[in-house]
Structures are given as structure tokens and as C-alpha cells.
Amino acid sequence: MYPNLAGQKGLYLLKQLKAFKHKERTNPIMLSQAKGLSDQDMKDLASYFNSLR
């Protein structure tokens, strides 16, 4: 039901988070999650999920 983000490439995740935040990708749930994230928050999340198996 939910995507598995573990092991995804960090740059890909960062790009997608930015796209949701700037409404370049539309999804009400992700928009509400991404809108309050700083650039550093998004980098940290992308790095975290990239580090998981």
C-alpha cells in the first residue's frame, strides 16, 4: 500500500521531496508532509532512506 523508500538513491528522493514541496508533483498527503521541510530536512531524509537496506 505504501512505497518502500529504503535504499532509494538519495538524489532521487531529494528531487521528489522538492517537487512535492513546490507543487510540481501533486499528492495531498505528500504535499502536507513536504511543505514544512527545510532544504536540510529534505537532505537528511534522503540520506537516511538511502542508508537503509
C-alpha atoms as a PDB file:
ATOM      1  CA  MET A   1       0.000   0.000   0.000  1.00  0.00           C
ATOM      2  CA  TYR A   2       2.899   2.378   0.775  1.00  0.00           C
ATOM      3  CA  PRO A   3       6.151   2.639  -1.175  1.00  0.00           C
ATOM      4  CA  ASN A   4       9.318   1.209   0.337  1.00  0.00           C
ATOM      5  CA  LEU A   5      11.813   4.076   0.383  1.00  0.00           C
ATOM      6  CA  ALA A   6      14.652   2.119   1.986  1.00  0.00           C
ATOM      7  CA  GLY A   7      17.666   2.001  -0.294  1.00  0.00           C
ATOM      8  CA  GLN A   8      16.360   4.544  -2.805  1.00  0.00           C
ATOM      9  CA  LYS A   9      19.015   6.853  -4.208  1.00  0.00           C
ATOM     10  CA  GLY A  10      19.385   9.992  -2.121  1.00  0.00           C
ATOM     11  CA  LEU A  11      19.368  12.405  -5.050  1.00  0.00           C
ATOM     12  CA  TYR A  12      16.182  10.831  -6.403  1.00  0.00           C
ATOM     13  CA  LEU A  13      14.425  11.179  -3.045  1.00  0.00           C
ATOM     14  CA  LEU A  14      15.629  14.750  -2.617  1.00  0.00           C
ATOM     15  CA  LYS A  15      14.341  15.660  -6.078  1.00  0.00           C
ATOM     16  CA  GLN A  16      10.950  14.101  -5.344  1.00  0.00           C
ATOM     17  CA  LEU A  17      10.591  15.828  -1.963  1.00  0.00           C
ATOM     18  CA  LYS A  18      11.384  19.183  -3.552  1.00  0.00           C
ATOM     19  CA  ALA A  19       8.881  18.500  -6.335  1.00  0.00           C
ATOM     20  CA  PHE A  20       6.134  17.811  -3.789  1.00  0.00           C
ATOM     21  CA  LYS A  21       7.026  20.888  -1.748  1.00  0.00           C
ATOM     22  CA  HIS A  22       6.922  23.145  -4.817  1.00  0.00           C
ATOM     23  CA  LYS A  23       3.727  21.507  -6.149  1.00  0.00           C
ATOM     24  CA  GLU A  24       5.485  20.147  -9.244  1.00  0.00           C
ATOM     25  CA  ARG A  25       4.150  16.727  -8.188  1.00  0.00           C
ATOM     26  CA  THR A  26       0.666  16.518  -6.784  1.00  0.00           C
ATOM     27  CA  ASN A  27      -0.404  14.364  -3.905  1.00  0.00           C
ATOM     28  CA  PRO A  28      -2.282  15.904  -0.966  1.00  0.00           C
ATOM     29  CA  ILE A  29      -0.638  13.665   1.620  1.00  0.00           C
ATOM     30  CA  MET A  30       2.907  14.258   0.385  1.00  0.00           C
ATOM     31  CA  LEU A  31       2.315  17.980  -0.067  1.00  0.00           C
ATOM     32  CA  SER A  32       1.261  18.266   3.561  1.00  0.00           C
ATOM     33  CA  GLN A  33       4.341  16.285   4.648  1.00  0.00           C
ATOM     34  CA  ALA A  34       6.849  18.147   2.464  1.00  0.00           C
ATOM     35  CA  LYS A  35       5.618  21.728   2.786  1.00  0.00           C
ATOM     36  CA  GLY A  36       7.152  22.252   6.219  1.00  0.00           C
ATOM     37  CA  LEU A  37      10.523  20.694   5.430  1.00  0.00           C
ATOM     38  CA  SER A  38      13.629  22.823   5.125  1.00  0.00           C
ATOM     39  CA  ASP A  39      16.249  22.062   2.480  1.00  0.00           C
ATOM     40  CA  GLN A  40      18.379  20.480   5.204  1.00  0.00           C
ATOM     41  CA  ASP A  41      15.452  18.368   6.422  1.00  0.00           C
ATOM     42  CA  MET A  42      14.949  17.028   2.899  1.00  0.00           C
ATOM     43  CA  LYS A  43      18.665  16.264   2.516  1.00  0.00           C
ATOM     44  CA  ASP A  44      18.683  14.481   5.870  1.00  0.00           C
ATOM     45  CA  LEU A  45      15.623  12.380   4.995  1.00  0.00           C
ATOM     46  CA  ALA A  46      17.042  11.462   1.591  1.00  0.00           C
ATOM     47  CA  SER A  47      20.337  10.464   3.192  1.00  0.00           C
ATOM     48  CA  TYR A  48      18.583   8.428   5.874  1.00  0.00           C
ATOM     49  CA  PHE A  49      16.431   6.420   3.468  1.00  0.00           C
ATOM     50  CA  ASN A  50      19.402   5.950   1.136  1.00  0.00           C
ATOM     51  CA  SER A  51      21.359   4.391   4.024  1.00  0.00           C
ATOM     52  CA  LEU A  52      18.721   1.725   4.701  1.00  0.00           C
ATOM     53  CA  ARG A  53      18.712  -1.680   3.034  1.00  0.00           C
END
